[in-house]
Amino acid sequence: MHELQVDAQRTLEAIDSALEKDKDLLDEKMINNILQARTELDQVSNSTDEKVIKIAIDRLEKVSEEFVEMRMNTAVMKAMKGHNVDELGGISQRKICHKLSYYPMKIFAQKAL
């Protein structure tokens, strides 16, 4: 139970951080959908019902998927600017993204890599 509540808090902190840094990537509809899912998670984050918390975390992650992709594309483009693919050699995507401190939400690491 407590672990899921901690996951909910981390997810809230992560989306807040992501929005603070890259909110400009989103249109109004996407922002509203993410904020609605964020509010729903915030409201149940201290619940004693694990299923309710898990559903709210999953919903926020689902509505944030496109935002995750947009952030990743932006970060990779910044990292690649002025370089070509051959220069990166054996550097993995995980190392590039880690260097950029790119993955504030667990879904970034789970679904992007």
C-alpha atoms as a PDB file:
ATOM      1  CA  MET A   1       0.000   0.000   0.000  1.00  0.00           C
ATOM      2  CA  HIS A   2       2.563   2.548   1.119  1.00  0.00           C
ATOM      3  CA  GLU A   3       4.739   1.768  -1.909  1.00  0.00           C
ATOM      4  CA  LEU A   4       1.908   2.609  -4.304  1.00  0.00           C
ATOM      5  CA  GLN A   5       1.226   5.864  -2.450  1.00  0.00           C
ATOM      6  CA  VAL A   6       4.921   6.750  -2.816  1.00  0.00           C
ATOM      7  CA  ASP A   7       4.740   5.889  -6.532  1.00  0.00           C
ATOM      8  CA  ALA A   8       1.744   8.202  -6.856  1.00  0.00           C
ATOM      9  CA  GLN A   9       3.625  11.061  -5.195  1.00  0.00           C
ATOM     10  CA  ARG A  10       6.688  10.485  -7.393  1.00  0.00           C
ATOM     11  CA  THR A  11       4.522  10.429 -10.490  1.00  0.00           C
ATOM     12  CA  LEU A  12       2.897  13.709  -9.458  1.00  0.00           C
ATOM     13  CA  GLU A  13       6.282  15.307  -8.807  1.00  0.00           C
ATOM     14  CA  ALA A  14       7.599  14.037 -12.119  1.00  0.00           C
ATOM     15  CA  ILE A  15       4.716  15.352 -14.197  1.00  0.00           C
ATOM     16  CA  ASP A  16       4.917  18.684 -12.390  1.00  0.00           C
ATOM     17  CA  SER A  17       8.613  18.912 -13.218  1.00  0.00           C
ATOM     18  CA  ALA A  18       8.045  17.879 -16.836  1.00  0.00           C
ATOM     19  CA  LEU A  19       5.277  20.426 -17.268  1.00  0.00           C
ATOM     20  CA  GLU A  20       7.364  23.154 -15.703  1.00  0.00           C
ATOM     21  CA  LYS A  21      10.194  22.490 -18.148  1.00  0.00           C
ATOM     22  CA  ASP A  22       8.338  21.638 -21.349  1.00  0.00           C
ATOM     23  CA  LYS A  23       4.727  22.775 -21.095  1.00  0.00           C
ATOM     24  CA  ASP A  24       5.276  24.847 -24.233  1.00  0.00           C
ATOM     25  CA  LEU A  25       5.400  21.627 -26.292  1.00  0.00           C
ATOM     26  CA  LEU A  26       1.721  20.976 -25.567  1.00  0.00           C
ATOM     27  CA  ASP A  27      -1.461  22.372 -27.009  1.00  0.00           C
ATOM     28  CA  GLU A  28      -4.302  23.411 -24.722  1.00  0.00           C
ATOM     29  CA  LYS A  29      -6.204  20.131 -25.095  1.00  0.00           C
ATOM     30  CA  MET A  30      -3.177  18.032 -24.147  1.00  0.00           C
ATOM     31  CA  ILE A  31      -2.404  20.257 -21.168  1.00  0.00           C
ATOM     32  CA  ASN A  32      -6.002  20.003 -19.961  1.00  0.00           C
ATOM     33  CA  ASN A  33      -6.055  16.199 -20.326  1.00  0.00           C
ATOM     34  CA  ILE A  34      -2.790  15.820 -18.433  1.00  0.00           C
ATOM     35  CA  LEU A  35      -3.864  18.241 -15.702  1.00  0.00           C
ATOM     36  CA  GLN A  36      -7.191  16.466 -15.298  1.00  0.00           C
ATOM     37  CA  ALA A  37      -5.464  13.084 -14.905  1.00  0.00           C
ATOM     38  CA  ARG A  38      -2.946  14.696 -12.554  1.00  0.00           C
ATOM     39  CA  THR A  39      -5.745  16.098 -10.392  1.00  0.00           C
ATOM     40  CA  GLU A  40      -7.460  12.705 -10.283  1.00  0.00           C
ATOM     41  CA  LEU A  41      -4.225  11.047  -9.141  1.00  0.00           C
ATOM     42  CA  ASP A  42      -3.609  13.742  -6.557  1.00  0.00           C
ATOM     43  CA  GLN A  43      -7.096  13.211  -5.126  1.00  0.00           C
ATOM     44  CA  VAL A  44      -6.594   9.456  -4.645  1.00  0.00           C
ATOM     45  CA  SER A  45      -2.852   9.354  -3.914  1.00  0.00           C
ATOM     46  CA  ASN A  46      -3.395   8.807  -0.184  1.00  0.00           C
ATOM     47  CA  SER A  47      -6.270   6.385  -0.618  1.00  0.00           C
ATOM     48  CA  THR A  48      -6.202   3.000   1.080  1.00  0.00           C
ATOM     49  CA  ASP A  49      -7.548   1.415  -2.106  1.00  0.00           C
ATOM     50  CA  GLU A  50      -4.540   0.224  -4.102  1.00  0.00           C
ATOM     51  CA  LYS A  51      -6.617  -0.438  -7.201  1.00  0.00           C
ATOM     52  CA  VAL A  52      -7.874   3.157  -7.307  1.00  0.00           C
ATOM     53  CA  ILE A  53      -4.337   4.532  -6.978  1.00  0.00           C
ATOM     54  CA  LYS A  54      -2.998   2.177  -9.663  1.00  0.00           C
ATOM     55  CA  ILE A  55      -5.779   3.113 -12.076  1.00  0.00           C
ATOM     56  CA  ALA A  56      -5.078   6.830 -11.555  1.00  0.00           C
ATOM     57  CA  ILE A  57      -1.309   6.355 -12.072  1.00  0.00           C
ATOM     58  CA  ASP A  58      -1.948   4.348 -15.230  1.00  0.00           C
ATOM     59  CA  ARG A  59      -4.363   6.967 -16.549  1.00  0.00           C
ATOM     60  CA  LEU A  60      -1.887   9.809 -16.008  1.00  0.00           C
ATOM     61  CA  GLU A  61       0.823   7.783 -17.720  1.00  0.00           C
ATOM     62  CA  LYS A  62      -1.504   6.981 -20.630  1.00  0.00           C
ATOM     63  CA  VAL A  63      -2.580  10.575 -21.241  1.00  0.00           C
ATOM     64  CA  SER A  64       1.060  11.681 -20.924  1.00  0.00           C
ATOM     65  CA  GLU A  65       2.449   9.255 -23.523  1.00  0.00           C
ATOM     66  CA  GLU A  66       2.482  11.767 -26.377  1.00  0.00           C
ATOM     67  CA  PHE A  67       4.089  14.362 -24.101  1.00  0.00           C
ATOM     68  CA  VAL A  68       6.751  11.791 -23.201  1.00  0.00           C
ATOM     69  CA  GLU A  69       7.434  11.199 -26.880  1.00  0.00           C
ATOM     70  CA  MET A  70       7.609  14.916 -27.614  1.00  0.00           C
ATOM     71  CA  ARG A  71      10.041  15.502 -24.741  1.00  0.00           C
ATOM     72  CA  MET A  72      12.214  12.624 -25.852  1.00  0.00           C
ATOM     73  CA  ASN A  73      12.313  13.824 -29.437  1.00  0.00           C
ATOM     74  CA  THR A  74      13.220  17.327 -28.300  1.00  0.00           C
ATOM     75  CA  ALA A  75      15.964  16.060 -25.991  1.00  0.00           C
ATOM     76  CA  VAL A  76      17.451  13.796 -28.653  1.00  0.00           C
ATOM     77  CA  MET A  77      17.375  16.621 -31.201  1.00  0.00           C
ATOM     78  CA  LYS A  78      19.211  18.894 -28.751  1.00  0.00           C
ATOM     79  CA  ALA A  79      21.769  16.188 -28.034  1.00  0.00           C
ATOM     80  CA  MET A  80      22.291  15.514 -31.730  1.00  0.00           C
ATOM     81  CA  LYS A  81      22.512  19.161 -32.778  1.00  0.00           C
ATOM     82  CA  GLY A  82      25.851  19.705 -34.465  1.00  0.00           C
ATOM     83  CA  HIS A  83      26.666  15.962 -34.491  1.00  0.00           C
ATOM     84  CA  ASN A  84      25.981  13.091 -36.799  1.00  0.00           C
ATOM     85  CA  VAL A  85      24.895   9.588 -35.836  1.00  0.00           C
ATOM     86  CA  ASP A  86      28.330   8.101 -36.517  1.00  0.00           C
ATOM     87  CA  GLU A  87      29.881  10.332 -33.850  1.00  0.00           C
ATOM     88  CA  LEU A  88      27.717   8.743 -31.184  1.00  0.00           C
ATOM     89  CA  GLY A  89      29.203   5.320 -31.842  1.00  0.00           C
ATOM     90  CA  GLY A  90      28.395   2.923 -29.033  1.00  0.00           C
ATOM     91  CA  ILE A  91      26.488   5.378 -26.880  1.00  0.00           C
ATOM     92  CA  SER A  92      23.120   3.865 -26.099  1.00  0.00           C
ATOM     93  CA  GLN A  93      19.859   5.755 -26.039  1.00  0.00           C
ATOM     94  CA  ARG A  94      19.670   5.122 -22.284  1.00  0.00           C
ATOM     95  CA  LYS A  95      23.057   6.798 -21.749  1.00  0.00           C
ATOM     96  CA  ILE A  96      22.095   9.783 -23.886  1.00  0.00           C
ATOM     97  CA  CYS A  97      18.856  10.262 -22.013  1.00  0.00           C
ATOM     98  CA  HIS A  98      20.509   9.718 -18.637  1.00  0.00           C
ATOM     99  CA  LYS A  99      23.097  12.373 -19.455  1.00  0.00           C
ATOM    100  CA  LEU A 100      20.270  14.728 -20.286  1.00  0.00           C
ATOM    101  CA  SER A 101      18.475  13.825 -17.030  1.00  0.00           C
ATOM    102  CA  TYR A 102      15.558  13.289 -19.308  1.00  0.00           C
ATOM    103  CA  TYR A 103      13.373  10.739 -17.559  1.00  0.00           C
ATOM    104  CA  PRO A 104      11.606  12.314 -14.606  1.00  0.00           C
ATOM    105  CA  MET A 105       8.704   9.858 -14.786  1.00  0.00           C
ATOM    106  CA  LYS A 106       9.030   6.127 -14.582  1.00  0.00           C
ATOM    107  CA  ILE A 107       7.140   5.804 -17.856  1.00  0.00           C
ATOM    108  CA  PHE A 108       9.934   7.625 -19.632  1.00  0.00           C
ATOM    109  CA  ALA A 109      12.336   4.842 -18.761  1.00  0.00           C
ATOM    110  CA  GLN A 110       9.866   1.991 -19.114  1.00  0.00           C
ATOM    111  CA  LYS A 111       8.255   2.861 -22.409  1.00  0.00           C
ATOM    112  CA  ALA A 112      10.817   4.970 -24.201  1.00  0.00           C
ATOM    113  CA  LEU A 113      13.756   2.582 -23.934  1.00  0.00           C
END
